[in-house]
Structures are given as structure tokens and as C-alpha cells.
Amino acid sequence: MTKVTIYTDGAARGNPDGPGGYGAVLLFTDSAGTVHRKELSEGFPKTTNNRMELMAAIAGLEALTRPCEVELHSDSQYLINAFTKGWIESWKKRDWKKADRSPVLNRDLWERLLAAAEPHQITWIWVRGHNGDEENERCDFLATSAADSMKH
């Protein structure tokens, strides 16, 4: 199984409902030892930071063309904790309701993310944002640039 490292970040200007964007960096080394890199980003005119964090992970996973062993790095505790703390499974058991019975926000993107993640073996890794991690900083640049491109 190919090993891929994905870094992701989302940004929103005027959260909620301002322009936003996401950035993702995919890295893998082929059998000859060559490192391959792919960068993804997209802007949206009206969104939230959490939606962009989810879209970054979705875009990174949807870019994979076969099942992979993935390390997905994000500075979003919202994203990472949903998987590492079992929130997703609890939400699904409660028909996409939180513990207080209120609806889970961004259900459409959570379901899309689950579908994108399904064929892969994923390790979800939280990284502190704006802390000098080169790839996380690159994702932040991609996300904020995409968000800024939506300001007209």
C-alpha cells in the first residue's frame, strides 16, 4: 500500500459566512526514492472555517487514486478529534445528533469525508498551527490565498 502524507488547513475571512478557502499538500515517495508533491486549494465566497478544514481533508483524500496508508496532519481539533475521540461514531449512532441532541453541523461534509476516507488506512495527527511546521504553514498560505481570492 502506498504511503501518503497529507497536510491540510482551512481559512475563513469574517467567519462565519465570509470568504474562505482550503489548502492541502500531498507527499509520497515512489519506489525509486523520488518524492512527489501535489498542492490543492480552492476558494469559496461564503463559508466557515470549520467547513474549510473539512474540505481540505476531503480534497486531499479524494485526490488519491487507489487505497493508501495515509498520515493526515491538521491543526483543526474539530477535524482530528472527530476521529481520534470517537465523535463521528457517536454522531452516527445518534442519527447525526450531538450529545445534547442538537444536529451535528456540517453533516454533508462529514459524510463526504467518511466516503473519501473509507478505502484508506488513515492516522489522524493534530499539529499546532502557526508553530513553524513547514507543510502546515504552506497549507495556511494556500488556504488564506484562496480565501483572499474570493474577496471582490
N, C-alpha and C. Protein backbone atom coordinates (compact mmCIF):
# COMPACT_ATOMS: atom_id res chain seq x y z
N MET A 1 0.85 -1.18 0.00
CA MET A 1 0.00 0.00 0.00
C MET A 1 0.89 1.25 0.00
N THR A 2 0.61 2.17 -0.88
CA THR A 2 1.37 3.41 -0.96
C THR A 2 1.17 4.23 0.30
N LYS A 3 2.27 4.77 0.82
CA LYS A 3 2.19 5.65 1.99
C LYS A 3 2.17 7.09 1.51
N VAL A 4 1.17 7.84 1.99
CA VAL A 4 1.00 9.23 1.60
C VAL A 4 0.86 10.07 2.87
N THR A 5 1.51 11.21 2.87
CA THR A 5 1.35 12.18 3.96
C THR A 5 0.56 13.35 3.40
N ILE A 6 -0.50 13.72 4.11
CA ILE A 6 -1.34 14.85 3.68
C ILE A 6 -1.37 15.88 4.81
N TYR A 7 -1.09 17.11 4.46
CA TYR A 7 -1.24 18.24 5.38
C TYR A 7 -2.42 19.05 4.89
N THR A 8 -3.24 19.55 5.82
CA THR A 8 -4.43 20.29 5.43
C THR A 8 -4.62 21.52 6.31
N ASP A 9 -5.30 22.52 5.75
CA ASP A 9 -5.69 23.69 6.54
C ASP A 9 -6.86 24.37 5.85
N GLY A 10 -7.66 25.02 6.66
CA GLY A 10 -8.78 25.80 6.16
C GLY A 10 -8.71 27.21 6.72
N ALA A 11 -9.34 28.14 6.03
CA ALA A 11 -9.35 29.53 6.47
C ALA A 11 -10.66 30.17 6.06
N ALA A 12 -11.12 31.10 6.88
CA ALA A 12 -12.30 31.90 6.54
C ALA A 12 -12.06 33.32 7.01
N ARG A 13 -12.38 34.24 6.17
CA ARG A 13 -12.27 35.67 6.48
C ARG A 13 -13.66 36.16 6.87
N GLY A 14 -13.81 36.65 8.08
CA GLY A 14 -15.12 37.08 8.53
C GLY A 14 -15.99 35.89 8.90
N ASN A 15 -15.37 34.89 9.54
CA ASN A 15 -16.06 33.67 9.97
C ASN A 15 -17.17 34.04 10.95
N PRO A 16 -18.40 33.61 10.81
CA PRO A 16 -18.89 32.75 9.73
C PRO A 16 -19.39 33.58 8.55
N ASP A 17 -19.56 32.90 7.46
CA ASP A 17 -20.21 33.44 6.27
C ASP A 17 -19.41 34.48 5.50
N GLY A 18 -18.10 34.49 5.68
CA GLY A 18 -17.25 35.31 4.83
C GLY A 18 -16.59 34.42 3.80
N PRO A 19 -15.70 34.99 2.98
CA PRO A 19 -14.98 34.17 2.03
C PRO A 19 -14.01 33.23 2.75
N GLY A 20 -13.80 32.08 2.16
CA GLY A 20 -12.90 31.10 2.77
C GLY A 20 -12.18 30.30 1.73
N GLY A 21 -11.26 29.48 2.22
CA GLY A 21 -10.52 28.61 1.32
C GLY A 21 -9.85 27.49 2.07
N TYR A 22 -9.37 26.52 1.31
CA TYR A 22 -8.62 25.42 1.93
C TYR A 22 -7.33 25.22 1.17
N GLY A 23 -6.40 24.58 1.84
CA GLY A 23 -5.15 24.18 1.22
C GLY A 23 -4.79 22.78 1.68
N ALA A 24 -4.22 22.00 0.78
CA ALA A 24 -3.76 20.66 1.11
C ALA A 24 -2.46 20.38 0.36
N VAL A 25 -1.55 19.71 1.04
CA VAL A 25 -0.29 19.29 0.43
C VAL A 25 -0.21 17.77 0.59
N LEU A 26 -0.03 17.07 -0.53
CA LEU A 26 0.11 15.61 -0.53
C LEU A 26 1.55 15.28 -0.89
N LEU A 27 2.15 14.37 -0.11
CA LEU A 27 3.53 13.95 -0.33
C LEU A 27 3.62 12.44 -0.32
N PHE A 28 4.35 11.88 -1.30
CA PHE A 28 4.67 10.46 -1.23
C PHE A 28 5.97 10.21 -1.95
N THR A 29 6.63 9.14 -1.55
CA THR A 29 7.91 8.76 -2.15
C THR A 29 7.69 7.49 -2.94
N ASP A 30 8.10 7.50 -4.22
CA ASP A 30 7.91 6.31 -5.06
C ASP A 30 9.01 5.28 -4.80
N SER A 31 8.92 4.16 -5.48
CA SER A 31 9.85 3.05 -5.24
C SER A 31 11.29 3.41 -5.61
N ALA A 32 11.47 4.43 -6.45
CA ALA A 32 12.82 4.87 -6.83
C ALA A 32 13.38 5.90 -5.84
N GLY A 33 12.56 6.25 -4.84
CA GLY A 33 13.02 7.21 -3.84
C GLY A 33 12.74 8.66 -4.19
N THR A 34 11.98 8.88 -5.26
CA THR A 34 11.63 10.24 -5.67
C THR A 34 10.43 10.72 -4.88
N VAL A 35 10.54 11.91 -4.29
CA VAL A 35 9.42 12.49 -3.54
C VAL A 35 8.51 13.23 -4.51
N HIS A 36 7.23 12.92 -4.43
CA HIS A 36 6.23 13.60 -5.26
C HIS A 36 5.38 14.48 -4.36
N ARG A 37 5.01 15.64 -4.90
CA ARG A 37 4.26 16.64 -4.14
C ARG A 37 3.11 17.14 -5.00
N LYS A 38 1.96 17.27 -4.38
CA LYS A 38 0.81 17.86 -5.06
C LYS A 38 0.18 18.86 -4.10
N GLU A 39 -0.12 20.04 -4.60
CA GLU A 39 -0.77 21.06 -3.77
C GLU A 39 -2.16 21.33 -4.33
N LEU A 40 -3.12 21.44 -3.44
CA LEU A 40 -4.51 21.69 -3.80
C LEU A 40 -5.02 22.90 -3.02
N SER A 41 -5.83 23.73 -3.64
CA SER A 41 -6.50 24.80 -2.91
C SER A 41 -7.71 25.25 -3.72
N GLU A 42 -8.65 25.82 -3.01
CA GLU A 42 -9.86 26.34 -3.65
C GLU A 42 -10.49 27.35 -2.72
N GLY A 43 -11.08 28.38 -3.29
CA GLY A 43 -11.77 29.40 -2.50
C GLY A 43 -13.27 29.30 -2.66
N PHE A 44 -13.98 29.79 -1.66
CA PHE A 44 -15.44 29.79 -1.64
C PHE A 44 -15.90 31.17 -1.17
N PRO A 45 -16.97 31.72 -1.78
CA PRO A 45 -17.37 33.09 -1.44
C PRO A 45 -17.99 33.25 -0.06
N LYS A 46 -18.64 32.22 0.45
CA LYS A 46 -19.36 32.36 1.72
C LYS A 46 -19.30 31.03 2.46
N THR A 47 -18.54 30.97 3.55
CA THR A 47 -18.35 29.70 4.24
C THR A 47 -17.89 29.93 5.67
N THR A 48 -17.49 28.86 6.33
CA THR A 48 -16.96 28.95 7.70
C THR A 48 -15.59 28.28 7.75
N ASN A 49 -14.86 28.58 8.79
CA ASN A 49 -13.55 27.97 8.98
C ASN A 49 -13.66 26.45 9.09
N ASN A 50 -14.62 25.97 9.89
CA ASN A 50 -14.75 24.52 10.06
C ASN A 50 -15.07 23.81 8.74
N ARG A 51 -15.91 24.41 7.92
CA ARG A 51 -16.22 23.80 6.62
C ARG A 51 -14.95 23.72 5.76
N MET A 52 -14.12 24.74 5.83
CA MET A 52 -12.89 24.74 5.04
C MET A 52 -11.88 23.72 5.57
N GLU A 53 -11.84 23.53 6.88
CA GLU A 53 -10.97 22.49 7.46
C GLU A 53 -11.39 21.11 6.93
N LEU A 54 -12.69 20.86 6.90
CA LEU A 54 -13.20 19.59 6.39
C LEU A 54 -12.93 19.45 4.89
N MET A 55 -13.15 20.53 4.13
CA MET A 55 -12.92 20.47 2.68
C MET A 55 -11.46 20.18 2.35
N ALA A 56 -10.54 20.70 3.14
CA ALA A 56 -9.12 20.43 2.89
C ALA A 56 -8.84 18.94 3.00
N ALA A 57 -9.37 18.31 4.04
CA ALA A 57 -9.17 16.86 4.22
C ALA A 57 -9.87 16.08 3.10
N ILE A 58 -11.07 16.49 2.75
CA ILE A 58 -11.82 15.83 1.68
C ILE A 58 -11.04 15.91 0.37
N ALA A 59 -10.58 17.10 0.02
CA ALA A 59 -9.86 17.29 -1.24
C ALA A 59 -8.59 16.44 -1.28
N GLY A 60 -7.87 16.39 -0.17
CA GLY A 60 -6.65 15.59 -0.12
C GLY A 60 -6.94 14.11 -0.32
N LEU A 61 -7.95 13.61 0.36
CA LEU A 61 -8.29 12.19 0.24
C LEU A 61 -8.91 11.86 -1.11
N GLU A 62 -9.74 12.75 -1.64
CA GLU A 62 -10.36 12.49 -2.94
C GLU A 62 -9.35 12.53 -4.08
N ALA A 63 -8.19 13.14 -3.85
CA ALA A 63 -7.15 13.19 -4.89
C ALA A 63 -6.41 11.85 -5.03
N LEU A 64 -6.56 10.98 -4.05
CA LEU A 64 -5.88 9.68 -4.09
C LEU A 64 -6.61 8.75 -5.05
N THR A 65 -5.86 8.06 -5.89
CA THR A 65 -6.47 7.24 -6.94
C THR A 65 -6.55 5.76 -6.59
N ARG A 66 -6.00 5.37 -5.45
CA ARG A 66 -6.08 3.97 -5.01
C ARG A 66 -5.96 3.96 -3.49
N PRO A 67 -6.34 2.86 -2.85
CA PRO A 67 -6.22 2.80 -1.38
C PRO A 67 -4.78 3.03 -0.92
N CYS A 68 -4.64 3.87 0.08
CA CYS A 68 -3.32 4.24 0.58
C CYS A 68 -3.28 4.19 2.10
N GLU A 69 -2.07 4.11 2.61
CA GLU A 69 -1.81 4.29 4.03
C GLU A 69 -1.50 5.78 4.20
N VAL A 70 -2.38 6.48 4.91
CA VAL A 70 -2.32 7.94 4.97
C VAL A 70 -2.02 8.43 6.38
N GLU A 71 -1.11 9.39 6.47
CA GLU A 71 -0.97 10.20 7.67
C GLU A 71 -1.55 11.55 7.31
N LEU A 72 -2.66 11.92 7.96
CA LEU A 72 -3.29 13.21 7.67
C LEU A 72 -3.04 14.14 8.84
N HIS A 73 -2.36 15.25 8.55
CA HIS A 73 -1.98 16.24 9.57
C HIS A 73 -2.88 17.46 9.43
N SER A 74 -3.42 17.93 10.53
CA SER A 74 -4.26 19.13 10.53
C SER A 74 -4.09 19.87 11.84
N ASP A 75 -4.24 21.19 11.80
CA ASP A 75 -4.23 21.96 13.04
C ASP A 75 -5.66 22.16 13.57
N SER A 76 -6.61 21.48 12.97
CA SER A 76 -8.02 21.58 13.39
C SER A 76 -8.37 20.48 14.38
N GLN A 77 -8.57 20.86 15.63
CA GLN A 77 -9.00 19.87 16.62
C GLN A 77 -10.40 19.37 16.29
N TYR A 78 -11.22 20.21 15.70
CA TYR A 78 -12.57 19.83 15.25
C TYR A 78 -12.48 18.60 14.35
N LEU A 79 -11.59 18.64 13.37
CA LEU A 79 -11.41 17.54 12.43
C LEU A 79 -10.76 16.33 13.10
N ILE A 80 -9.64 16.53 13.72
CA ILE A 80 -8.86 15.41 14.27
C ILE A 80 -9.61 14.72 15.41
N ASN A 81 -10.17 15.49 16.33
CA ASN A 81 -10.87 14.88 17.47
C ASN A 81 -12.10 14.08 17.06
N ALA A 82 -12.73 14.48 15.96
CA ALA A 82 -13.90 13.73 15.50
C ALA A 82 -13.55 12.27 15.25
N PHE A 83 -12.32 12.03 14.80
CA PHE A 83 -11.87 10.66 14.53
C PHE A 83 -11.14 10.04 15.72
N THR A 84 -10.25 10.80 16.36
CA THR A 84 -9.43 10.21 17.43
C THR A 84 -10.19 10.06 18.74
N LYS A 85 -11.24 10.85 18.93
CA LYS A 85 -12.02 10.77 20.18
C LYS A 85 -13.37 10.09 19.97
N GLY A 86 -13.61 9.56 18.78
CA GLY A 86 -14.82 8.79 18.53
C GLY A 86 -16.09 9.61 18.34
N TRP A 87 -15.97 10.90 18.12
CA TRP A 87 -17.17 11.72 17.95
C TRP A 87 -18.00 11.24 16.77
N ILE A 88 -17.33 10.94 15.66
CA ILE A 88 -18.05 10.53 14.44
C ILE A 88 -18.95 9.33 14.71
N GLU A 89 -18.38 8.31 15.35
CA GLU A 89 -19.17 7.10 15.63
C GLU A 89 -20.36 7.42 16.53
N SER A 90 -20.15 8.27 17.52
CA SER A 90 -21.26 8.67 18.41
C SER A 90 -22.33 9.43 17.64
N TRP A 91 -21.91 10.34 16.77
CA TRP A 91 -22.88 11.11 15.98
C TRP A 91 -23.71 10.18 15.11
N LYS A 92 -23.05 9.23 14.46
CA LYS A 92 -23.76 8.31 13.58
C LYS A 92 -24.75 7.46 14.38
N LYS A 93 -24.34 6.98 15.54
CA LYS A 93 -25.23 6.16 16.38
C LYS A 93 -26.47 6.95 16.81
N ARG A 94 -26.31 8.28 16.97
CA ARG A 94 -27.42 9.13 17.39
C ARG A 94 -28.09 9.81 16.19
N ASP A 95 -27.94 9.22 14.99
CA ASP A 95 -28.54 9.78 13.78
C ASP A 95 -28.09 11.23 13.57
N TRP A 96 -26.78 11.45 13.63
CA TRP A 96 -26.15 12.74 13.40
C TRP A 96 -26.64 13.83 14.35
N LYS A 97 -26.78 13.42 15.62
CA LYS A 97 -27.09 14.37 16.68
C LYS A 97 -25.93 14.37 17.68
N LYS A 98 -25.67 15.54 18.27
CA LYS A 98 -24.64 15.64 19.30
C LYS A 98 -25.23 15.14 20.62
N ALA A 99 -24.40 15.09 21.64
CA ALA A 99 -24.85 14.58 22.94
C ALA A 99 -26.04 15.37 23.47
N ASP A 100 -26.10 16.67 23.15
CA ASP A 100 -27.23 17.50 23.62
C ASP A 100 -28.45 17.39 22.71
N ARG A 101 -28.39 16.44 21.74
CA ARG A 101 -29.46 16.14 20.77
C ARG A 101 -29.61 17.19 19.68
N SER A 102 -28.75 18.19 19.66
CA SER A 102 -28.79 19.17 18.57
C SER A 102 -28.11 18.55 17.34
N PRO A 103 -28.49 18.99 16.14
CA PRO A 103 -27.91 18.41 14.94
C PRO A 103 -26.41 18.71 14.82
N VAL A 104 -25.68 17.74 14.30
CA VAL A 104 -24.26 17.94 14.01
C VAL A 104 -24.15 18.92 12.85
N LEU A 105 -23.33 19.94 13.03
CA LEU A 105 -23.11 20.90 11.95
C LEU A 105 -22.24 20.26 10.87
N ASN A 106 -22.45 20.68 9.65
CA ASN A 106 -21.64 20.25 8.51
C ASN A 106 -21.78 18.77 8.19
N ARG A 107 -22.93 18.21 8.48
CA ARG A 107 -23.15 16.78 8.23
C ARG A 107 -22.82 16.40 6.79
N ASP A 108 -23.18 17.27 5.84
CA ASP A 108 -22.91 16.97 4.43
C ASP A 108 -21.42 16.72 4.20
N LEU A 109 -20.59 17.53 4.81
CA LEU A 109 -19.15 17.37 4.62
C LEU A 109 -18.59 16.21 5.42
N TRP A 110 -19.12 15.97 6.62
CA TRP A 110 -18.67 14.80 7.39
C TRP A 110 -18.96 13.53 6.61
N GLU A 111 -20.15 13.44 6.00
CA GLU A 111 -20.48 12.24 5.23
C GLU A 111 -19.60 12.11 4.00
N ARG A 112 -19.30 13.22 3.35
CA ARG A 112 -18.41 13.18 2.20
C ARG A 112 -16.99 12.77 2.63
N LEU A 113 -16.56 13.28 3.78
CA LEU A 113 -15.24 12.92 4.30
C LEU A 113 -15.17 11.43 4.64
N LEU A 114 -16.20 10.91 5.25
CA LEU A 114 -16.23 9.47 5.57
C LEU A 114 -16.13 8.63 4.29
N ALA A 115 -16.83 9.04 3.26
CA ALA A 115 -16.78 8.31 1.98
C ALA A 115 -15.37 8.39 1.38
N ALA A 116 -14.75 9.57 1.46
CA ALA A 116 -13.40 9.74 0.92
C ALA A 116 -12.37 8.95 1.72
N ALA A 117 -12.61 8.81 3.01
CA ALA A 117 -11.66 8.12 3.89
C ALA A 117 -11.79 6.60 3.82
N GLU A 118 -12.94 6.11 3.43
CA GLU A 118 -13.28 4.69 3.53
C GLU A 118 -12.24 3.74 2.94
N PRO A 119 -11.70 3.98 1.74
CA PRO A 119 -10.77 2.99 1.18
C PRO A 119 -9.36 3.02 1.79
N HIS A 120 -9.09 3.99 2.65
CA HIS A 120 -7.73 4.21 3.13
C HIS A 120 -7.55 3.81 4.59
N GLN A 121 -6.30 3.57 4.95
CA GLN A 121 -5.91 3.39 6.36
C GLN A 121 -5.34 4.73 6.79
N ILE A 122 -6.06 5.43 7.68
CA ILE A 122 -5.68 6.80 8.00
C ILE A 122 -5.28 6.93 9.46
N THR A 123 -4.16 7.60 9.68
CA THR A 123 -3.75 8.04 11.01
C THR A 123 -3.99 9.54 11.04
N TRP A 124 -4.82 9.98 11.97
CA TRP A 124 -5.19 11.40 12.08
C TRP A 124 -4.25 12.05 13.09
N ILE A 125 -3.52 13.08 12.68
CA ILE A 125 -2.49 13.69 13.52
C ILE A 125 -2.75 15.19 13.66
N TRP A 126 -2.88 15.64 14.90
CA TRP A 126 -3.05 17.07 15.16
C TRP A 126 -1.68 17.72 15.25
N VAL A 127 -1.53 18.88 14.60
CA VAL A 127 -0.33 19.68 14.70
C VAL A 127 -0.72 21.08 15.17
N ARG A 128 0.11 21.68 15.99
CA ARG A 128 -0.17 23.03 16.45
C ARG A 128 -0.02 24.00 15.27
N GLY A 129 -1.02 24.82 15.06
CA GLY A 129 -0.98 25.77 13.96
C GLY A 129 -0.01 26.90 14.22
N HIS A 130 0.52 27.47 13.16
CA HIS A 130 1.40 28.64 13.23
C HIS A 130 2.56 28.41 14.19
N ASN A 131 3.12 27.20 14.10
CA ASN A 131 4.18 26.81 15.04
C ASN A 131 5.45 26.39 14.30
N GLY A 132 5.59 26.83 13.06
CA GLY A 132 6.82 26.57 12.32
C GLY A 132 6.86 25.28 11.53
N ASP A 133 5.78 24.48 11.55
CA ASP A 133 5.74 23.27 10.73
C ASP A 133 5.63 23.71 9.27
N GLU A 134 6.66 23.43 8.49
CA GLU A 134 6.77 23.95 7.12
C GLU A 134 5.55 23.62 6.26
N GLU A 135 5.09 22.39 6.30
CA GLU A 135 3.97 21.99 5.44
C GLU A 135 2.65 22.57 5.95
N ASN A 136 2.49 22.66 7.27
CA ASN A 136 1.29 23.29 7.82
C ASN A 136 1.26 24.77 7.44
N GLU A 137 2.40 25.42 7.49
CA GLU A 137 2.47 26.83 7.10
C GLU A 137 2.14 26.99 5.61
N ARG A 138 2.59 26.06 4.78
CA ARG A 138 2.28 26.11 3.35
C ARG A 138 0.78 25.97 3.13
N CYS A 139 0.16 25.04 3.86
CA CYS A 139 -1.30 24.86 3.74
C CYS A 139 -2.04 26.12 4.17
N ASP A 140 -1.56 26.76 5.23
CA ASP A 140 -2.17 28.00 5.69
C ASP A 140 -2.07 29.06 4.59
N PHE A 141 -0.91 29.16 3.95
CA PHE A 141 -0.74 30.11 2.85
C PHE A 141 -1.71 29.81 1.71
N LEU A 142 -1.81 28.53 1.32
CA LEU A 142 -2.72 28.14 0.25
C LEU A 142 -4.17 28.47 0.61
N ALA A 143 -4.56 28.17 1.86
CA ALA A 143 -5.94 28.40 2.30
C ALA A 143 -6.27 29.88 2.36
N THR A 144 -5.38 30.68 2.95
CA THR A 144 -5.67 32.11 3.07
C THR A 144 -5.61 32.80 1.71
N SER A 145 -4.71 32.37 0.84
CA SER A 145 -4.66 32.93 -0.51
C SER A 145 -5.94 32.62 -1.27
N ALA A 146 -6.44 31.40 -1.13
CA ALA A 146 -7.70 31.02 -1.79
C ALA A 146 -8.86 31.84 -1.23
N ALA A 147 -8.87 32.04 0.10
CA ALA A 147 -9.93 32.84 0.72
C ALA A 147 -9.86 34.28 0.21
N ASP A 148 -8.65 34.83 0.17
CA ASP A 148 -8.48 36.21 -0.26
C ASP A 148 -8.86 36.41 -1.73
N SER A 149 -8.70 35.34 -2.52
CA SER A 149 -9.06 35.44 -3.95
C SER A 149 -10.57 35.59 -4.14
N MET A 150 -11.33 35.28 -3.11
CA MET A 150 -12.80 35.38 -3.20
C MET A 150 -13.32 36.76 -2.84
N LYS A 151 -12.45 37.61 -2.32
CA LYS A 151 -12.86 38.99 -1.99
C LYS A 151 -12.90 39.79 -3.28
N HIS A 152 -14.05 40.36 -3.57
CA HIS A 152 -14.16 41.12 -4.83
C HIS A 152 -14.33 42.58 -4.56
